[in-house]
Amino acid sequence: CSNSLSSIGENTINGAGLDARKIEASRFLFQAAFGGDINEINSLAESLNFEGWIEDEFNQPMTLLLPKLWEVDARSRILFEADKDNPDDEYFGPYSVHFQFAWWDNNYKAPDQLRQRVAFALSQIAVISINSQLGDFGEGLASYYDILVRNALGNYEDVLQEITLDPNMGFYLSHLNNPKSDDEIGTKPDENYAREIMQLFSIGLYELHNDGSRKIDSNGDWIPTYDNSDIQELAKVFTGLKGGEWSKEAIEGEYGAIGMPVEFGVDIYSISRETPLVMEESVHELGEKTILGNYTIPAGQTGMEDIQQAVKHIFNHPNVGPFIGKRLIQQF
C-alpha cells in the first residue's frame, strides 16, 4: 500500500490521510454533546464551524425528561400486564429504572444535544441520587432533572432558586419540613442544605481568584469562604418549607383528598414530587439573619423573601464563577 493516498509522507503533516477534520469534528461532538453519528461528524467536518453549531443548538426545541418518563412508564405497564404470569396488582413504577431508560433515550435521540449535555454536567454538581429512597420516585427524579434541562443554557441563579424549592432536593438534603428553633426542647434548624448549597453548589470552601486558584492571607493560609456561624444562620433561612400538593397516592388513598392544603411535616411519600415546596410561615424562623460576608437579611420578610434574598446573595459571591466554571470544564 506504499502508493496509497493515506501513506503519502506529506499527509503525516497535513493530516489528509488521517481524516483530521473528521477527527476534530468527532472530538468536538464528544465534548459538547454525547458524540455524533457518522452523518453528524461528516457534516461538521465540512466546515468545522463550532461556533455556528453552538448557535444552532441554542435554537433547538427543548426536550424535557418528565414526558419521556411517563411514556416509558406507560409502555412498561402495558408489557407487564401483557405477561399473564405477572399479578395485576404488583406493577411498580415509575421508579429509577424507568428514569434511566428515559434518560438514555433522550440523550441518544433529543435534538437539543448541547442542552442535554449541559444538564448532565449540572447534575454532577447539584446532586441528588437514585441510590436513596428517591429511587422509588422516577417522576421526582425526572422533575428535578428537568430543572437542569430548562436552565442549562440560562442563568445559574435560576438553577439555585429552583433546586432549593424542589421537593426531591428538600428530601435528599433534609430541608423539607425543616422547622424553626424550639428553645423549649432545645432543637435548631437542620443545617444540611445550608452547608451544601455553599460547599458543593456555589462557592466551595476557600476564596478563589478568577482563574480558580486559591487566595491566601498574609500568613500564607487559604481563606475560608464561610464558617459555622454562616451555616447556622443560613439554616434559619431554609425553615418552613413543606409539600406544595398532595401526591397522587395520597389522594387516591383519600389521605389528602379532603381539599385541605398539605400540612407541614407530611413526608415525601404523600406529597407531590413534581410540585415546588411552599412556605408554612408559622414554622419559619423569624428575625434578622446574618449570612455569608456579614450580609444581613432583615426581619419582617416572608419566608420565601428570605430564601430568594439569601440565594441571590450566594449567587452573587465572586467565587461562583471560578468554582462552578471549573467544574463545568471538568465535566466537558
Protein backbone atom coordinates (compact mmCIF):
# COMPACT_ATOMS: atom_id res chain seq x y z
CA CYS A 1 0.00 0.00 0.00
CA SER A 2 3.02 2.27 -0.32
CA ASN A 3 1.40 4.15 -3.20
CA SER A 4 -1.97 4.72 -1.47
CA LEU A 5 -3.07 8.26 -0.70
CA SER A 6 -3.13 7.68 3.06
CA SER A 7 0.53 6.62 3.13
CA ILE A 8 1.98 9.59 1.24
CA GLY A 9 4.55 11.15 3.53
CA GLU A 10 3.25 14.70 3.32
CA ASN A 11 -0.11 13.53 4.71
CA THR A 12 1.63 12.90 8.03
CA ILE A 13 1.93 16.68 8.28
CA ASN A 14 -1.20 17.95 6.56
CA GLY A 15 -3.46 15.33 8.16
CA ALA A 16 -5.27 14.37 4.97
CA GLY A 17 -4.54 10.69 5.36
CA LEU A 18 -5.84 10.72 8.90
CA ASP A 19 -9.15 12.43 8.11
CA ALA A 20 -8.05 15.12 10.56
CA ARG A 21 -11.16 17.24 10.03
CA LYS A 22 -13.40 14.30 10.93
CA ILE A 23 -11.27 13.57 13.98
CA GLU A 24 -11.61 17.19 15.09
CA ALA A 25 -15.37 17.18 14.49
CA SER A 26 -15.75 13.91 16.35
CA ARG A 27 -13.71 15.21 19.29
CA PHE A 28 -15.85 18.36 19.49
CA LEU A 29 -19.13 16.43 19.41
CA PHE A 30 -17.84 14.11 22.11
CA GLN A 31 -17.19 17.13 24.34
CA ALA A 32 -20.15 19.36 23.50
CA ALA A 33 -22.74 16.59 23.21
CA PHE A 34 -22.77 12.82 23.72
CA GLY A 35 -20.89 12.19 20.50
CA GLY A 36 -22.25 12.15 16.96
CA ASP A 37 -23.17 9.62 14.29
CA ILE A 38 -21.20 9.48 11.04
CA ASN A 39 -23.57 11.88 9.27
CA GLU A 40 -23.26 14.48 12.02
CA ILE A 41 -19.48 14.10 12.07
CA ASN A 42 -19.21 14.42 8.28
CA SER A 43 -21.47 17.46 8.22
CA LEU A 44 -19.50 19.30 10.89
CA ALA A 45 -16.17 18.23 9.36
CA GLU A 46 -17.01 20.11 6.17
CA SER A 47 -16.94 23.48 7.93
CA LEU A 48 -15.52 22.91 11.44
CA ASN A 49 -17.78 25.83 12.32
CA PHE A 50 -18.07 25.04 16.03
CA GLU A 51 -19.50 28.46 16.90
CA GLY A 52 -22.23 28.00 14.31
CA TRP A 53 -23.04 24.55 15.69
CA ILE A 54 -23.41 26.03 19.19
CA GLU A 55 -25.63 28.86 17.94
CA ASP A 56 -27.81 26.31 16.17
CA GLU A 57 -28.09 24.27 19.37
CA PHE A 58 -29.41 27.30 21.24
CA ASN A 59 -32.30 27.36 18.77
CA GLN A 60 -33.18 23.68 19.07
CA PRO A 61 -36.52 22.83 20.77
CA MET A 62 -36.19 21.87 24.41
CA THR A 63 -36.58 18.16 25.23
CA LEU A 64 -37.78 17.57 28.78
CA LEU A 65 -37.37 14.28 30.60
CA LEU A 66 -40.63 14.00 32.54
CA PRO A 67 -42.86 13.48 29.46
CA LYS A 68 -40.48 10.77 28.26
CA LEU A 69 -40.58 9.13 31.69
CA TRP A 70 -44.39 8.89 31.61
CA GLU A 71 -44.17 7.44 28.11
CA VAL A 72 -41.69 4.79 29.27
CA ASP A 73 -43.83 4.04 32.33
CA ALA A 74 -46.95 3.55 30.19
CA ARG A 75 -45.11 1.21 27.81
CA SER A 76 -43.69 -0.74 30.75
CA ARG A 77 -47.12 -1.13 32.31
CA ILE A 78 -48.55 -2.50 29.05
CA LEU A 79 -45.73 -5.05 28.79
CA PHE A 80 -46.16 -6.02 32.44
CA GLU A 81 -49.90 -6.54 32.11
CA ALA A 82 -49.49 -8.46 28.85
CA ASP A 83 -47.48 -11.09 30.69
CA LYS A 84 -50.14 -13.27 32.30
CA ASP A 85 -47.61 -14.56 34.83
CA ASN A 86 -47.45 -11.11 36.45
CA PRO A 87 -50.02 -10.39 39.18
CA ASP A 88 -52.25 -7.45 38.26
CA ASP A 89 -51.54 -5.57 41.49
CA GLU A 90 -47.74 -5.79 41.56
CA TYR A 91 -46.64 -3.31 38.89
CA PHE A 92 -44.33 -0.72 40.45
CA GLY A 93 -43.46 2.49 38.70
CA PRO A 94 -42.23 4.78 37.63
CA TYR A 95 -39.01 4.35 39.59
CA SER A 96 -35.28 4.68 38.94
CA VAL A 97 -35.14 2.05 36.16
CA HIS A 98 -37.79 3.94 34.17
CA PHE A 99 -35.92 7.19 34.82
CA GLN A 100 -32.68 5.72 33.49
CA PHE A 101 -34.35 4.29 30.39
CA ALA A 102 -35.97 7.66 29.65
CA TRP A 103 -32.67 9.47 30.28
CA TRP A 104 -30.75 7.30 27.83
CA ASP A 105 -33.50 7.61 25.22
CA ASN A 106 -33.49 11.41 25.45
CA ASN A 107 -29.73 11.72 25.39
CA TYR A 108 -29.36 9.49 22.34
CA LYS A 109 -32.22 10.98 20.33
CA ALA A 110 -33.07 14.50 21.52
CA PRO A 111 -32.26 17.27 19.00
CA ASP A 112 -31.02 19.67 21.72
CA GLN A 113 -27.78 17.79 22.38
CA LEU A 114 -25.87 20.73 23.87
CA ARG A 115 -28.66 21.44 26.35
CA GLN A 116 -28.79 17.78 27.35
CA ARG A 117 -25.01 17.66 27.83
CA VAL A 118 -25.03 20.81 29.99
CA ALA A 119 -27.92 19.43 32.06
CA PHE A 120 -25.93 16.26 32.66
CA ALA A 121 -22.91 18.33 33.71
CA LEU A 122 -25.06 20.31 36.14
CA SER A 123 -26.45 17.05 37.55
CA GLN A 124 -22.90 16.15 38.58
CA ILE A 125 -22.69 19.39 40.59
CA ALA A 126 -26.17 19.92 42.07
CA VAL A 127 -26.59 16.29 43.05
CA ILE A 128 -29.46 14.15 44.20
CA SER A 129 -29.18 10.37 43.97
CA ILE A 130 -31.17 7.37 42.83
CA ASN A 131 -29.22 5.46 45.48
CA SER A 132 -31.61 6.72 48.13
CA GLN A 133 -35.33 6.49 48.77
CA LEU A 134 -35.73 8.83 45.81
CA GLY A 135 -35.03 5.79 43.64
CA ASP A 136 -38.68 4.84 44.24
CA PHE A 137 -39.89 8.05 42.61
CA GLY A 138 -38.99 8.17 38.93
CA GLU A 139 -41.26 11.18 38.38
CA GLY A 140 -39.43 13.03 41.16
CA LEU A 141 -36.03 12.26 39.66
CA ALA A 142 -37.21 13.38 36.21
CA SER A 143 -38.91 16.51 37.54
CA TYR A 144 -35.71 17.51 39.32
CA TYR A 145 -33.60 16.78 36.26
CA ASP A 146 -35.88 18.98 34.16
CA ILE A 147 -34.89 21.96 36.32
CA LEU A 148 -31.39 21.46 34.97
CA VAL A 149 -32.65 20.92 31.41
CA ARG A 150 -34.77 24.09 31.44
CA ASN A 151 -31.98 26.23 32.85
CA ALA A 152 -29.00 24.57 31.15
CA LEU A 153 -28.48 27.45 28.72
CA GLY A 154 -29.71 30.13 31.10
CA ASN A 155 -28.76 31.70 34.42
CA TYR A 156 -27.23 29.66 37.24
CA GLU A 157 -29.13 31.70 39.83
CA ASP A 158 -32.34 30.21 38.44
CA VAL A 159 -30.87 26.74 38.97
CA LEU A 160 -30.09 27.54 42.63
CA GLN A 161 -33.50 29.07 43.26
CA GLU A 162 -35.40 26.16 41.73
CA ILE A 163 -33.43 23.30 43.27
CA THR A 164 -33.85 24.97 46.68
CA LEU A 165 -37.62 24.63 46.35
CA ASP A 166 -37.58 21.18 44.76
CA PRO A 167 -39.18 18.52 47.00
CA ASN A 168 -36.68 15.87 45.93
CA MET A 169 -33.72 18.03 46.87
CA GLY A 170 -35.62 19.01 50.03
CA PHE A 171 -35.88 15.35 50.96
CA TYR A 172 -32.33 14.46 49.92
CA LEU A 173 -30.68 17.27 51.88
CA SER A 174 -33.35 17.42 54.60
CA HIS A 175 -34.73 20.97 54.39
CA LEU A 176 -38.18 19.60 53.55
CA ASN A 177 -40.21 20.03 56.78
CA ASN A 178 -37.28 21.82 58.45
CA PRO A 179 -38.75 23.66 61.47
CA LYS A 180 -37.60 26.80 63.24
CA SER A 181 -35.68 26.71 66.52
CA ASP A 182 -37.51 25.46 69.59
CA ASP A 183 -35.79 26.61 72.77
CA GLU A 184 -38.10 24.58 74.99
CA ILE A 185 -36.92 21.26 73.58
CA GLY A 186 -33.50 22.55 72.51
CA THR A 187 -33.73 21.98 68.74
CA LYS A 188 -32.22 24.04 65.95
CA PRO A 189 -32.91 24.08 62.18
CA ASP A 190 -31.34 21.32 60.11
CA GLU A 191 -28.04 22.61 58.64
CA ASN A 192 -27.55 20.10 55.84
CA TYR A 193 -28.78 22.11 52.86
CA ALA A 194 -27.33 25.37 54.20
CA ARG A 195 -23.89 23.76 54.18
CA GLU A 196 -24.16 22.00 50.84
CA ILE A 197 -25.56 24.91 48.84
CA MET A 198 -22.37 26.78 49.72
CA GLN A 199 -19.79 23.99 49.77
CA LEU A 200 -20.93 21.98 46.74
CA PHE A 201 -23.37 24.03 44.67
CA SER A 202 -21.91 27.53 44.57
CA ILE A 203 -18.74 28.83 46.28
CA GLY A 204 -16.70 25.98 47.74
CA LEU A 205 -14.60 26.03 50.88
CA TYR A 206 -11.98 28.67 50.06
CA GLU A 207 -11.90 32.07 48.38
CA LEU A 208 -10.73 31.90 44.77
CA HIS A 209 -9.11 34.09 42.18
CA ASN A 210 -10.88 34.26 38.82
CA ASP A 211 -8.52 31.62 37.43
CA GLY A 212 -9.68 29.18 40.12
CA SER A 213 -6.52 29.33 42.24
CA ARG A 214 -6.97 29.83 45.98
CA LYS A 215 -6.39 33.18 47.62
CA ILE A 216 -4.03 33.32 50.59
CA ASP A 217 -3.91 35.65 53.58
CA SER A 218 -0.90 37.49 55.00
CA ASN A 219 0.21 34.29 56.74
CA GLY A 220 0.09 32.29 53.51
CA ASP A 221 -3.05 30.38 54.58
CA TRP A 222 -6.10 29.68 52.44
CA ILE A 223 -9.05 31.94 53.24
CA PRO A 224 -12.30 30.11 54.15
CA THR A 225 -15.43 31.30 52.36
CA TYR A 226 -17.71 30.70 55.35
CA ASP A 227 -17.68 29.45 58.94
CA ASN A 228 -20.04 27.53 61.21
CA SER A 229 -21.93 30.68 62.14
CA ASP A 230 -22.76 31.25 58.47
CA ILE A 231 -24.15 27.71 58.26
CA GLN A 232 -26.28 28.16 61.38
CA GLU A 233 -27.67 31.49 60.22
CA LEU A 234 -28.35 30.26 56.68
CA ALA A 235 -30.09 27.17 58.09
CA LYS A 236 -32.67 29.51 59.64
CA VAL A 237 -33.50 30.78 56.16
CA PHE A 238 -34.39 27.29 54.91
CA THR A 239 -37.09 26.66 57.50
CA GLY A 240 -40.82 26.30 56.98
CA LEU A 241 -40.78 24.57 53.59
CA LYS A 242 -43.44 21.89 53.07
CA GLY A 243 -45.03 19.96 50.22
CA GLY A 244 -46.89 22.05 47.67
CA GLU A 245 -49.53 19.46 46.78
CA TRP A 246 -50.66 16.00 47.79
CA SER A 247 -49.23 13.09 45.88
CA LYS A 248 -51.43 11.02 43.59
CA GLU A 249 -51.07 8.10 46.02
CA ALA A 250 -52.26 10.22 48.95
CA ILE A 251 -55.27 11.48 47.01
CA GLU A 252 -56.21 8.01 45.79
CA GLY A 253 -55.93 6.76 49.36
CA GLU A 254 -58.14 9.68 50.47
CA TYR A 255 -55.41 10.82 52.86
CA GLY A 256 -55.05 14.11 51.01
CA ALA A 257 -58.43 14.19 49.29
CA ILE A 258 -60.08 16.42 51.85
CA GLY A 259 -59.44 19.62 49.88
CA MET A 260 -57.09 21.00 52.52
CA PRO A 261 -53.54 22.22 51.92
CA VAL A 262 -50.68 19.88 52.73
CA GLU A 263 -49.72 20.12 56.39
CA PHE A 264 -46.17 20.84 57.50
CA GLY A 265 -44.48 17.55 58.31
CA VAL A 266 -46.11 15.40 55.61
CA ASP A 267 -43.35 13.19 54.20
CA ILE A 268 -42.05 12.65 50.67
CA TYR A 269 -44.35 9.63 50.14
CA SER A 270 -47.51 11.72 50.50
CA ILE A 271 -46.53 14.95 48.73
CA SER A 272 -46.20 15.58 45.01
CA ARG A 273 -42.61 15.08 43.89
CA GLU A 274 -43.28 17.30 40.86
CA THR A 275 -44.56 20.40 42.67
CA PRO A 276 -42.26 23.03 44.25
CA LEU A 277 -42.24 23.37 48.01
CA VAL A 278 -44.26 26.13 49.63
CA MET A 279 -43.80 28.09 52.83
CA GLU A 280 -45.53 27.47 56.15
CA GLU A 281 -44.87 30.82 57.82
CA SER A 282 -45.72 29.61 61.32
CA VAL A 283 -42.63 27.37 61.40
CA HIS A 284 -40.27 29.68 59.53
CA GLU A 285 -37.52 31.20 61.67
CA LEU A 286 -38.35 34.84 62.31
CA GLY A 287 -35.92 37.67 62.86
CA GLU A 288 -32.81 39.06 61.26
CA LYS A 289 -30.28 36.63 59.81
CA THR A 290 -26.62 37.41 59.12
CA ILE A 291 -25.12 35.15 56.48
CA LEU A 292 -22.08 34.89 54.24
CA GLY A 293 -19.88 38.01 54.32
CA ASN A 294 -21.85 39.63 57.16
CA TYR A 295 -24.78 40.14 54.81
CA THR A 296 -27.99 40.90 56.69
CA ILE A 297 -31.38 39.52 55.76
CA PRO A 298 -33.80 41.84 57.56
CA ALA A 299 -36.53 40.80 59.94
CA GLY A 300 -40.14 41.11 58.89
CA GLN A 301 -39.94 39.44 55.48
CA THR A 302 -41.89 36.39 54.37
CA GLY A 303 -40.09 33.06 54.38
CA MET A 304 -39.91 32.99 50.59
CA GLU A 305 -38.45 36.50 50.53
CA ASP A 306 -35.75 35.32 52.95
CA ILE A 307 -34.93 32.36 50.69
CA GLN A 308 -34.88 34.35 47.46
CA GLN A 309 -32.66 37.03 49.01
CA ALA A 310 -30.25 34.50 50.51
CA VAL A 311 -29.89 32.50 47.30
CA LYS A 312 -29.35 35.67 45.25
CA HIS A 313 -26.63 36.79 47.68
CA ILE A 314 -24.89 33.41 47.44
CA PHE A 315 -25.12 33.50 43.64
CA ASN A 316 -23.50 36.95 43.53
CA HIS A 317 -20.47 35.78 45.53
CA PRO A 318 -17.30 36.21 43.40
CA ASN A 319 -16.41 32.54 43.91
CA VAL A 320 -19.39 31.27 41.91
CA GLY A 321 -17.82 31.98 38.52
CA PRO A 322 -14.48 30.21 39.06
CA PHE A 323 -15.89 27.46 41.31
CA ILE A 324 -18.75 26.39 39.01
CA GLY A 325 -16.77 27.22 35.88
CA LYS A 326 -14.00 24.81 36.86
CA ARG A 327 -16.49 22.03 37.50
CA LEU A 328 -18.19 22.57 34.17
CA ILE A 329 -14.80 22.44 32.45
CA GLN A 330 -14.12 19.14 34.22
CA GLN A 331 -17.46 17.71 33.09
CA PHE A 332 -16.85 18.74 29.47
